[in-house]
Amino acid sequence: MDINTLRGLATVFALVAFIGVVLWAYSSGKKKDFDEAANLPFEDDPDALDNSDQEKKS
């Protein structure tokens, strides 16, 4: 096994890991978690959270 074979295997591993992360991030089960995380900066300011909820409904 030479260095080029190891580089090829590392590339394939990185591609599989990348595809796994993309599938995990875009899975429908994670949408609620990501929406909650996106609203974390607004938790201290109730007016900002109310305004962002109204914009989503429009």
PDB file of N, CA and C in Angstrom:
ATOM      1  N   MET A   1       0.853  -1.169   0.000  1.00  0.00           N
ATOM      2  CA  MET A   1       0.000   0.000   0.000  1.00  0.00           C
ATOM      3  C   MET A   1       0.905   1.240   0.000  1.00  0.00           C
ATOM      4  N   ASP A   2       0.772   2.037  -1.002  1.00  0.00           N
ATOM      5  CA  ASP A   2       1.610   3.224  -1.082  1.00  0.00           C
ATOM      6  C   ASP A   2       0.832   4.476  -0.650  1.00  0.00           C
ATOM      7  N   ILE A   3       1.494   5.605  -0.690  1.00  0.00           N
ATOM      8  CA  ILE A   3       0.908   6.858  -0.205  1.00  0.00           C
ATOM      9  C   ILE A   3      -0.295   7.280  -1.041  1.00  0.00           C
ATOM     10  N   ASN A   4      -0.274   6.997  -2.327  1.00  0.00           N
ATOM     11  CA  ASN A   4      -1.392   7.396  -3.186  1.00  0.00           C
ATOM     12  C   ASN A   4      -2.664   6.626  -2.851  1.00  0.00           C
ATOM     13  N   THR A   5      -2.534   5.371  -2.458  1.00  0.00           N
ATOM     14  CA  THR A   5      -3.689   4.589  -2.039  1.00  0.00           C
ATOM     15  C   THR A   5      -4.273   5.165  -0.753  1.00  0.00           C
ATOM     16  N   LEU A   6      -3.404   5.537   0.169  1.00  0.00           N
ATOM     17  CA  LEU A   6      -3.876   6.146   1.421  1.00  0.00           C
ATOM     18  C   LEU A   6      -4.578   7.474   1.155  1.00  0.00           C
ATOM     19  N   ARG A   7      -4.027   8.262   0.246  1.00  0.00           N
ATOM     20  CA  ARG A   7      -4.668   9.536  -0.106  1.00  0.00           C
ATOM     21  C   ARG A   7      -6.037   9.308  -0.737  1.00  0.00           C
ATOM     22  N   GLY A   8      -6.142   8.304  -1.582  1.00  0.00           N
ATOM     23  CA  GLY A   8      -7.431   7.977  -2.197  1.00  0.00           C
ATOM     24  C   GLY A   8      -8.450   7.550  -1.162  1.00  0.00           C
ATOM     25  N   LEU A   9      -8.028   6.710  -0.219  1.00  0.00           N
ATOM     26  CA  LEU A   9      -8.934   6.265   0.845  1.00  0.00           C
ATOM     27  C   LEU A   9      -9.353   7.430   1.737  1.00  0.00           C
ATOM     28  N   ALA A  10      -8.427   8.338   2.018  1.00  0.00           N
ATOM     29  CA  ALA A  10      -8.760   9.505   2.831  1.00  0.00           C
ATOM     30  C   ALA A  10      -9.764  10.394   2.105  1.00  0.00           C
ATOM     31  N   THR A  11      -9.610  10.525   0.797  1.00  0.00           N
ATOM     32  CA  THR A  11     -10.553  11.331   0.013  1.00  0.00           C
ATOM     33  C   THR A  11     -11.943  10.711   0.021  1.00  0.00           C
ATOM     34  N   VAL A  12     -12.011   9.400  -0.160  1.00  0.00           N
ATOM     35  CA  VAL A  12     -13.304   8.713  -0.136  1.00  0.00           C
ATOM     36  C   VAL A  12     -13.945   8.843   1.242  1.00  0.00           C
ATOM     37  N   PHE A  13     -13.164   8.683   2.297  1.00  0.00           N
ATOM     38  CA  PHE A  13     -13.687   8.825   3.655  1.00  0.00           C
ATOM     39  C   PHE A  13     -14.224  10.240   3.885  1.00  0.00           C
ATOM     40  N   ALA A  14     -13.489  11.252   3.443  1.00  0.00           N
ATOM     41  CA  ALA A  14     -13.930  12.635   3.610  1.00  0.00           C
ATOM     42  C   ALA A  14     -15.220  12.890   2.837  1.00  0.00           C
ATOM     43  N   LEU A  15     -15.348  12.339   1.641  1.00  0.00           N
ATOM     44  CA  LEU A  15     -16.560  12.508   0.851  1.00  0.00           C
ATOM     45  C   LEU A  15     -17.758  11.850   1.537  1.00  0.00           C
ATOM     46  N   VAL A  16     -17.567  10.651   2.054  1.00  0.00           N
ATOM     47  CA  VAL A  16     -18.652   9.955   2.749  1.00  0.00           C
ATOM     48  C   VAL A  16     -19.055  10.721   4.007  1.00  0.00           C
ATOM     49  N   ALA A  17     -18.074  11.252   4.743  1.00  0.00           N
ATOM     50  CA  ALA A  17     -18.383  12.037   5.941  1.00  0.00           C
ATOM     51  C   ALA A  17     -19.141  13.311   5.571  1.00  0.00           C
ATOM     52  N   PHE A  18     -18.732  13.974   4.508  1.00  0.00           N
ATOM     53  CA  PHE A  18     -19.406  15.189   4.067  1.00  0.00           C
ATOM     54  C   PHE A  18     -20.853  14.908   3.678  1.00  0.00           C
ATOM     55  N   ILE A  19     -21.069  13.851   2.919  1.00  0.00           N
ATOM     56  CA  ILE A  19     -22.434  13.492   2.508  1.00  0.00           C
ATOM     57  C   ILE A  19     -23.277  13.148   3.729  1.00  0.00           C
ATOM     58  N   GLY A  20     -22.679  12.477   4.714  1.00  0.00           N
ATOM     59  CA  GLY A  20     -23.393  12.149   5.943  1.00  0.00           C
ATOM     60  C   GLY A  20     -23.825  13.390   6.705  1.00  0.00           C
ATOM     61  N   VAL A  21     -22.933  14.368   6.798  1.00  0.00           N
ATOM     62  CA  VAL A  21     -23.265  15.613   7.499  1.00  0.00           C
ATOM     63  C   VAL A  21     -24.355  16.370   6.759  1.00  0.00           C
ATOM     64  N   VAL A  22     -24.286  16.412   5.449  1.00  0.00           N
ATOM     65  CA  VAL A  22     -25.306  17.107   4.660  1.00  0.00           C
ATOM     66  C   VAL A  22     -26.665  16.439   4.834  1.00  0.00           C
ATOM     67  N   LEU A  23     -26.700  15.121   4.767  1.00  0.00           N
ATOM     68  CA  LEU A  23     -27.973  14.408   4.952  1.00  0.00           C
ATOM     69  C   LEU A  23     -28.527  14.636   6.360  1.00  0.00           C
ATOM     70  N   TRP A  24     -27.652  14.638   7.352  1.00  0.00           N
ATOM     71  CA  TRP A  24     -28.099  14.880   8.725  1.00  0.00           C
ATOM     72  C   TRP A  24     -28.657  16.291   8.870  1.00  0.00           C
ATOM     73  N   ALA A  25     -27.954  17.276   8.297  1.00  0.00           N
ATOM     74  CA  ALA A  25     -28.368  18.670   8.456  1.00  0.00           C
ATOM     75  C   ALA A  25     -29.684  18.965   7.756  1.00  0.00           C
ATOM     76  N   TYR A  26     -29.937  18.317   6.630  1.00  0.00           N
ATOM     77  CA  TYR A  26     -31.150  18.602   5.869  1.00  0.00           C
ATOM     78  C   TYR A  26     -32.271  17.603   6.136  1.00  0.00           C
ATOM     79  N   SER A  27     -32.100  16.727   7.127  1.00  0.00           N
ATOM     80  CA  SER A  27     -33.174  15.789   7.448  1.00  0.00           C
ATOM     81  C   SER A  27     -34.330  16.547   8.081  1.00  0.00           C
ATOM     82  N   SER A  28     -35.536  16.118   7.803  1.00  0.00           N
ATOM     83  CA  SER A  28     -36.721  16.838   8.282  1.00  0.00           C
ATOM     84  C   SER A  28     -36.870  16.749   9.801  1.00  0.00           C
ATOM     85  N   GLY A  29     -36.309  15.753  10.422  1.00  0.00           N
ATOM     86  CA  GLY A  29     -36.410  15.613  11.868  1.00  0.00           C
ATOM     87  C   GLY A  29     -35.631  16.667  12.634  1.00  0.00           C
ATOM     88  N   LYS A  30     -34.655  17.289  12.001  1.00  0.00           N
ATOM     89  CA  LYS A  30     -33.826  18.295  12.653  1.00  0.00           C
ATOM     90  C   LYS A  30     -34.358  19.708  12.475  1.00  0.00           C
ATOM     91  N   LYS A  31     -35.372  19.909  11.675  1.00  0.00           N
ATOM     92  CA  LYS A  31     -35.859  21.259  11.384  1.00  0.00           C
ATOM     93  C   LYS A  31     -36.292  21.978  12.662  1.00  0.00           C
ATOM     94  N   LYS A  32     -37.017  21.307  13.530  1.00  0.00           N
ATOM     95  CA  LYS A  32     -37.485  21.938  14.765  1.00  0.00           C
ATOM     96  C   LYS A  32     -36.298  22.356  15.635  1.00  0.00           C
ATOM     97  N   ASP A  33     -35.299  21.488  15.760  1.00  0.00           N
ATOM     98  CA  ASP A  33     -34.122  21.812  16.560  1.00  0.00           C
ATOM     99  C   ASP A  33     -33.384  23.019  15.996  1.00  0.00           C
ATOM    100  N   PHE A  34     -33.227  23.066  14.684  1.00  0.00           N
ATOM    101  CA  PHE A  34     -32.518  24.178  14.063  1.00  0.00           C
ATOM    102  C   PHE A  34     -33.317  25.470  14.154  1.00  0.00           C
ATOM    103  N   ASP A  35     -34.634  25.391  14.066  1.00  0.00           N
ATOM    104  CA  ASP A  35     -35.462  26.591  14.228  1.00  0.00           C
ATOM    105  C   ASP A  35     -35.338  27.148  15.644  1.00  0.00           C
ATOM    106  N   GLU A  36     -35.323  26.266  16.631  1.00  0.00           N
ATOM    107  CA  GLU A  36     -35.150  26.713  18.013  1.00  0.00           C
ATOM    108  C   GLU A  36     -33.778  27.347  18.210  1.00  0.00           C
ATOM    109  N   ALA A  37     -32.749  26.750  17.641  1.00  0.00           N
ATOM    110  CA  ALA A  37     -31.400  27.299  17.756  1.00  0.00           C
ATOM    111  C   ALA A  37     -31.289  28.650  17.055  1.00  0.00           C
ATOM    112  N   ALA A  38     -32.009  28.816  15.960  1.00  0.00           N
ATOM    113  CA  ALA A  38     -31.966  30.084  15.230  1.00  0.00           C
ATOM    114  C   ALA A  38     -32.604  31.208  16.040  1.00  0.00           C
ATOM    115  N   ASN A  39     -33.546  30.884  16.909  1.00  0.00           N
ATOM    116  CA  ASN A  39     -34.230  31.902  17.698  1.00  0.00           C
ATOM    117  C   ASN A  39     -33.579  32.163  19.058  1.00  0.00           C
ATOM    118  N   LEU A  40     -32.505  31.450  19.380  1.00  0.00           N
ATOM    119  CA  LEU A  40     -31.843  31.646  20.666  1.00  0.00           C
ATOM    120  C   LEU A  40     -31.380  33.084  20.896  1.00  0.00           C
ATOM    121  N   PRO A  41     -30.836  33.790  19.920  1.00  0.00           N
ATOM    122  CA  PRO A  41     -30.411  35.170  20.183  1.00  0.00           C
ATOM    123  C   PRO A  41     -31.564  36.099  20.558  1.00  0.00           C
ATOM    124  N   PHE A  42     -32.780  35.745  20.222  1.00  0.00           N
ATOM    125  CA  PHE A  42     -33.928  36.603  20.476  1.00  0.00           C
ATOM    126  C   PHE A  42     -34.651  36.285  21.782  1.00  0.00           C
ATOM    127  N   GLU A  43     -34.191  35.284  22.530  1.00  0.00           N
ATOM    128  CA  GLU A  43     -34.889  34.889  23.759  1.00  0.00           C
ATOM    129  C   GLU A  43     -34.871  35.985  24.817  1.00  0.00           C
ATOM    130  N   ASP A  44     -33.817  36.789  24.860  1.00  0.00           N
ATOM    131  CA  ASP A  44     -33.728  37.841  25.865  1.00  0.00           C
ATOM    132  C   ASP A  44     -34.596  39.038  25.525  1.00  0.00           C
ATOM    133  N   ASP A  45     -34.995  39.161  24.275  1.00  0.00           N
ATOM    134  CA  ASP A  45     -35.783  40.298  23.819  1.00  0.00           C
ATOM    135  C   ASP A  45     -37.133  39.792  23.316  1.00  0.00           C
ATOM    136  N   PRO A  46     -38.171  39.796  24.173  1.00  0.00           N
ATOM    137  CA  PRO A  46     -39.460  39.236  23.767  1.00  0.00           C
ATOM    138  C   PRO A  46     -40.092  39.971  22.581  1.00  0.00           C
ATOM    139  N   ASP A  47     -39.837  41.268  22.447  1.00  0.00           N
ATOM    140  CA  ASP A  47     -40.399  42.009  21.312  1.00  0.00           C
ATOM    141  C   ASP A  47     -39.834  41.511  19.994  1.00  0.00           C
ATOM    142  N   ALA A  48     -38.554  41.220  19.958  1.00  0.00           N
ATOM    143  CA  ALA A  48     -37.925  40.752  18.724  1.00  0.00           C
ATOM    144  C   ALA A  48     -38.474  39.383  18.341  1.00  0.00           C
ATOM    145  N   LEU A  49     -38.686  38.517  19.314  1.00  0.00           N
ATOM    146  CA  LEU A  49     -39.221  37.193  19.020  1.00  0.00           C
ATOM    147  C   LEU A  49     -40.652  37.294  18.516  1.00  0.00           C
ATOM    148  N   ASP A  50     -41.453  38.162  19.112  1.00  0.00           N
ATOM    149  CA  ASP A  50     -42.831  38.334  18.648  1.00  0.00           C
ATOM    150  C   ASP A  50     -42.860  38.861  17.219  1.00  0.00           C
ATOM    151  N   ASN A  51     -41.994  39.799  16.897  1.00  0.00           N
ATOM    152  CA  ASN A  51     -41.944  40.345  15.553  1.00  0.00           C
ATOM    153  C   ASN A  51     -41.511  39.301  14.529  1.00  0.00           C
ATOM    154  N   SER A  52     -40.536  38.452  14.886  1.00  0.00           N
ATOM    155  CA  SER A  52     -40.083  37.448  13.930  1.00  0.00           C
ATOM    156  C   SER A  52     -41.161  36.390  13.710  1.00  0.00           C
ATOM    157  N   ASP A  53     -41.959  36.080  14.740  1.00  0.00           N
ATOM    158  CA  ASP A  53     -43.061  35.124  14.573  1.00  0.00           C
ATOM    159  C   ASP A  53     -44.141  35.703  13.664  1.00  0.00           C
ATOM    160  N   GLN A  54     -44.423  37.001  13.803  1.00  0.00           N
ATOM    161  CA  GLN A  54     -45.437  37.636  12.957  1.00  0.00           C
ATOM    162  C   GLN A  54     -44.977  37.688  11.517  1.00  0.00           C
ATOM    163  N   GLU A  55     -43.669  37.893  11.274  1.00  0.00           N
ATOM    164  CA  GLU A  55     -43.161  37.942   9.907  1.00  0.00           C
ATOM    165  C   GLU A  55     -43.281  36.580   9.236  1.00  0.00           C
ATOM    166  N   LYS A  56     -43.083  35.517   9.986  1.00  0.00           N
ATOM    167  CA  LYS A  56     -43.194  34.164   9.421  1.00  0.00           C
ATOM    168  C   LYS A  56     -44.629  33.861   8.996  1.00  0.00           C
ATOM    169  N   LYS A  57     -45.610  34.365   9.761  1.00  0.00           N
ATOM    170  CA  LYS A  57     -47.021  34.078   9.476  1.00  0.00           C
ATOM    171  C   LYS A  57     -47.519  34.862   8.277  1.00  0.00           C
ATOM    172  N   SER A  58     -46.865  35.964   7.940  1.00  0.00           N
ATOM    173  CA  SER A  58     -47.305  36.811   6.829  1.00  0.00           C
ATOM    174  C   SER A  58     -47.000  36.182   5.500  1.00  0.00           C
TER     175      SER A  58
END
